[in-house]
């Protein structure tokens, strides 16, 4: 599936289930794993699981099979790997603790400096 269509599908699937505070982070050139990370919050275990399941269902309908889904059992942080896009669906306290937005917005010198202290 074309990248922009997949991106739109994911954002629509998130919006359909009222995912909160969705953020897109362009990681192309920072990692070989993916090009885009989307981070979104769900209000409870059930909400997190529902958002992730909706993303997976919509991707499958569009004939874009997810490469993997992790964390469904606990529902605090579910990762949906769609290849070019990885989606992190998290409860707010988990999102705040791991602060992926800050981690991935830092350049290489900032990451090295923060691990030295």
C-alpha atoms as a PDB file:
ATOM      1  CA  UNK A   1       0.000   0.000   0.000  1.00  0.00           C
ATOM      2  CA  UNK A   2       1.221   3.495  -0.817  1.00  0.00           C
ATOM      3  CA  UNK A   3       2.747   5.261   2.207  1.00  0.00           C
ATOM      4  CA  UNK A   4       0.391   8.278   2.193  1.00  0.00           C
ATOM      5  CA  UNK A   5      -2.687   6.056   1.908  1.00  0.00           C
ATOM      6  CA  UNK A   6      -1.478   3.909   4.798  1.00  0.00           C
ATOM      7  CA  UNK A   7      -0.771   7.004   6.895  1.00  0.00           C
ATOM      8  CA  UNK A   8      -4.255   8.354   6.235  1.00  0.00           C
ATOM      9  CA  UNK A   9      -5.820   4.958   7.002  1.00  0.00           C
ATOM     10  CA  UNK A  10      -4.030   4.814  10.366  1.00  0.00           C
ATOM     11  CA  UNK A  11      -4.975   8.369  11.334  1.00  0.00           C
ATOM     12  CA  UNK A  12      -8.605   7.745  10.365  1.00  0.00           C
ATOM     13  CA  UNK A  13      -8.697   4.489  12.362  1.00  0.00           C
ATOM     14  CA  UNK A  14      -7.332   6.377  15.377  1.00  0.00           C
ATOM     15  CA  UNK A  15      -9.811   9.220  14.952  1.00  0.00           C
ATOM     16  CA  UNK A  16     -12.748   6.827  14.514  1.00  0.00           C
ATOM     17  CA  UNK A  17     -12.173   5.490  18.032  1.00  0.00           C
ATOM     18  CA  UNK A  18     -11.361   8.866  19.586  1.00  0.00           C
ATOM     19  CA  UNK A  19      -7.658   8.300  20.125  1.00  0.00           C
ATOM     20  CA  UNK A  20      -6.140  11.258  21.957  1.00  0.00           C
ATOM     21  CA  UNK A  21      -3.130  13.466  21.238  1.00  0.00           C
ATOM     22  CA  UNK A  22      -1.882  11.684  18.114  1.00  0.00           C
ATOM     23  CA  UNK A  23       1.632  12.731  17.143  1.00  0.00           C
ATOM     24  CA  UNK A  24       3.552  11.824  14.005  1.00  0.00           C
ATOM     25  CA  UNK A  25       7.341  11.560  14.166  1.00  0.00           C
ATOM     26  CA  UNK A  26       9.369  11.312  10.966  1.00  0.00           C
ATOM     27  CA  UNK A  27      12.195   8.894  11.775  1.00  0.00           C
ATOM     28  CA  UNK A  28      13.384   8.325   8.223  1.00  0.00           C
ATOM     29  CA  UNK A  29      17.167   8.414   8.308  1.00  0.00           C
ATOM     30  CA  UNK A  30      17.223   7.999  12.123  1.00  0.00           C
ATOM     31  CA  UNK A  31      16.410   4.278  12.064  1.00  0.00           C
ATOM     32  CA  UNK A  32      16.219   1.541   9.477  1.00  0.00           C
ATOM     33  CA  UNK A  33      13.197  -0.005  11.206  1.00  0.00           C
ATOM     34  CA  UNK A  34      10.529   2.392   9.915  1.00  0.00           C
ATOM     35  CA  UNK A  35       9.940   5.791   8.328  1.00  0.00           C
ATOM     36  CA  UNK A  36       7.143   7.143  10.526  1.00  0.00           C
ATOM     37  CA  UNK A  37       6.062   6.605  14.109  1.00  0.00           C
ATOM     38  CA  UNK A  38       2.605   7.570  15.227  1.00  0.00           C
ATOM     39  CA  UNK A  39       2.028   7.825  18.961  1.00  0.00           C
ATOM     40  CA  UNK A  40      -1.492   8.079  20.344  1.00  0.00           C
ATOM     41  CA  UNK A  41      -3.112   7.807  23.770  1.00  0.00           C
ATOM     42  CA  UNK A  42      -6.065   5.711  24.863  1.00  0.00           C
ATOM     43  CA  UNK A  43      -7.897   6.344  28.123  1.00  0.00           C
ATOM     44  CA  UNK A  44      -7.933   2.756  29.461  1.00  0.00           C
ATOM     45  CA  UNK A  45      -6.672  -0.766  28.702  1.00  0.00           C
ATOM     46  CA  UNK A  46      -9.841  -1.433  26.734  1.00  0.00           C
ATOM     47  CA  UNK A  47      -9.544   1.834  24.778  1.00  0.00           C
ATOM     48  CA  UNK A  48      -5.877   1.177  23.911  1.00  0.00           C
ATOM     49  CA  UNK A  49      -6.700  -2.338  22.711  1.00  0.00           C
ATOM     50  CA  UNK A  50      -9.712  -1.104  20.719  1.00  0.00           C
ATOM     51  CA  UNK A  51      -7.696   1.585  18.907  1.00  0.00           C
ATOM     52  CA  UNK A  52      -4.949  -0.927  18.047  1.00  0.00           C
ATOM     53  CA  UNK A  53      -7.493  -3.513  16.897  1.00  0.00           C
ATOM     54  CA  UNK A  54      -9.219  -0.921  14.699  1.00  0.00           C
ATOM     55  CA  UNK A  55      -5.893  -0.007  13.054  1.00  0.00           C
ATOM     56  CA  UNK A  56      -5.194  -3.700  12.375  1.00  0.00           C
ATOM     57  CA  UNK A  57      -8.720  -4.346  11.045  1.00  0.00           C
ATOM     58  CA  UNK A  58      -8.642  -1.337   8.713  1.00  0.00           C
ATOM     59  CA  UNK A  59      -5.169  -2.247   7.442  1.00  0.00           C
ATOM     60  CA  UNK A  60      -6.317  -5.805   6.715  1.00  0.00           C
ATOM     61  CA  UNK A  61      -9.424  -4.514   4.902  1.00  0.00           C
ATOM     62  CA  UNK A  62      -7.072  -2.455   2.712  1.00  0.00           C
ATOM     63  CA  UNK A  63      -4.997  -5.597   2.085  1.00  0.00           C
ATOM     64  CA  UNK A  64      -2.050  -4.318   4.121  1.00  0.00           C
ATOM     65  CA  UNK A  65      -1.211  -7.113   6.562  1.00  0.00           C
ATOM     66  CA  UNK A  66       0.482  -5.844   9.757  1.00  0.00           C
ATOM     67  CA  UNK A  67       3.951  -7.284  10.338  1.00  0.00           C
ATOM     68  CA  UNK A  68       3.274  -7.628  14.040  1.00  0.00           C
ATOM     69  CA  UNK A  69       1.272  -6.517  17.052  1.00  0.00           C
ATOM     70  CA  UNK A  70       2.755  -6.496  20.557  1.00  0.00           C
ATOM     71  CA  UNK A  71       1.288  -5.750  23.994  1.00  0.00           C
ATOM     72  CA  UNK A  72      -2.364  -6.608  23.371  1.00  0.00           C
ATOM     73  CA  UNK A  73      -2.685  -8.701  26.533  1.00  0.00           C
ATOM     74  CA  UNK A  74      -1.845  -5.894  28.965  1.00  0.00           C
ATOM     75  CA  UNK A  75      -3.318  -3.017  26.970  1.00  0.00           C
ATOM     76  CA  UNK A  76      -1.093  -0.363  28.482  1.00  0.00           C
ATOM     77  CA  UNK A  77       1.076  -0.044  25.351  1.00  0.00           C
ATOM     78  CA  UNK A  78       0.226  -1.756  22.090  1.00  0.00           C
ATOM     79  CA  UNK A  79       2.643  -1.518  19.167  1.00  0.00           C
ATOM     80  CA  UNK A  80       1.296  -2.083  15.662  1.00  0.00           C
ATOM     81  CA  UNK A  81       4.029  -2.627  13.053  1.00  0.00           C
ATOM     82  CA  UNK A  82       2.856  -1.768   9.559  1.00  0.00           C
ATOM     83  CA  UNK A  83       6.355  -1.693   8.052  1.00  0.00           C
ATOM     84  CA  UNK A  84       6.819   1.905   6.924  1.00  0.00           C
ATOM     85  CA  UNK A  85       4.690   3.052   9.862  1.00  0.00           C
ATOM     86  CA  UNK A  86       4.839   1.889  13.468  1.00  0.00           C
ATOM     87  CA  UNK A  87       1.976   2.911  15.729  1.00  0.00           C
ATOM     88  CA  UNK A  88       2.345   3.130  19.511  1.00  0.00           C
ATOM     89  CA  UNK A  89      -1.020   3.176  21.300  1.00  0.00           C
ATOM     90  CA  UNK A  90      -0.397   3.985  24.957  1.00  0.00           C
ATOM     91  CA  UNK A  91      -2.137   4.913  28.154  1.00  0.00           C
ATOM     92  CA  UNK A  92      -1.149   8.452  29.201  1.00  0.00           C
ATOM     93  CA  UNK A  93       0.969   7.417  32.214  1.00  0.00           C
ATOM     94  CA  UNK A  94       2.967   4.954  30.088  1.00  0.00           C
ATOM     95  CA  UNK A  95       3.380   7.527  27.329  1.00  0.00           C
ATOM     96  CA  UNK A  96       4.608  10.116  29.811  1.00  0.00           C
ATOM     97  CA  UNK A  97       7.052   7.668  31.421  1.00  0.00           C
ATOM     98  CA  UNK A  98       8.719   6.553  28.166  1.00  0.00           C
ATOM     99  CA  UNK A  99       8.415   9.956  26.438  1.00  0.00           C
ATOM    100  CA  UNK A 100       9.051   8.600  22.936  1.00  0.00           C
ATOM    101  CA  UNK A 101       8.316  12.000  21.411  1.00  0.00           C
ATOM    102  CA  UNK A 102      11.320  13.506  23.191  1.00  0.00           C
ATOM    103  CA  UNK A 103      13.539  10.502  22.533  1.00  0.00           C
ATOM    104  CA  UNK A 104      12.906  10.521  18.781  1.00  0.00           C
ATOM    105  CA  UNK A 105      13.056  14.304  18.443  1.00  0.00           C
ATOM    106  CA  UNK A 106      16.570  14.452  19.915  1.00  0.00           C
ATOM    107  CA  UNK A 107      19.467  14.462  17.496  1.00  0.00           C
ATOM    108  CA  UNK A 108      22.329  11.961  17.852  1.00  0.00           C
ATOM    109  CA  UNK A 109      24.580  14.249  19.958  1.00  0.00           C
ATOM    110  CA  UNK A 110      21.755  14.877  22.455  1.00  0.00           C
ATOM    111  CA  UNK A 111      21.073  11.126  22.794  1.00  0.00           C
ATOM    112  CA  UNK A 112      24.758  10.374  23.429  1.00  0.00           C
ATOM    113  CA  UNK A 113      25.070  13.235  25.911  1.00  0.00           C
ATOM    114  CA  UNK A 114      22.011  12.179  27.899  1.00  0.00           C
ATOM    115  CA  UNK A 115      23.287   8.610  28.346  1.00  0.00           C
ATOM    116  CA  UNK A 116      26.686   9.770  29.598  1.00  0.00           C
ATOM    117  CA  UNK A 117      25.279  11.428  32.755  1.00  0.00           C
END
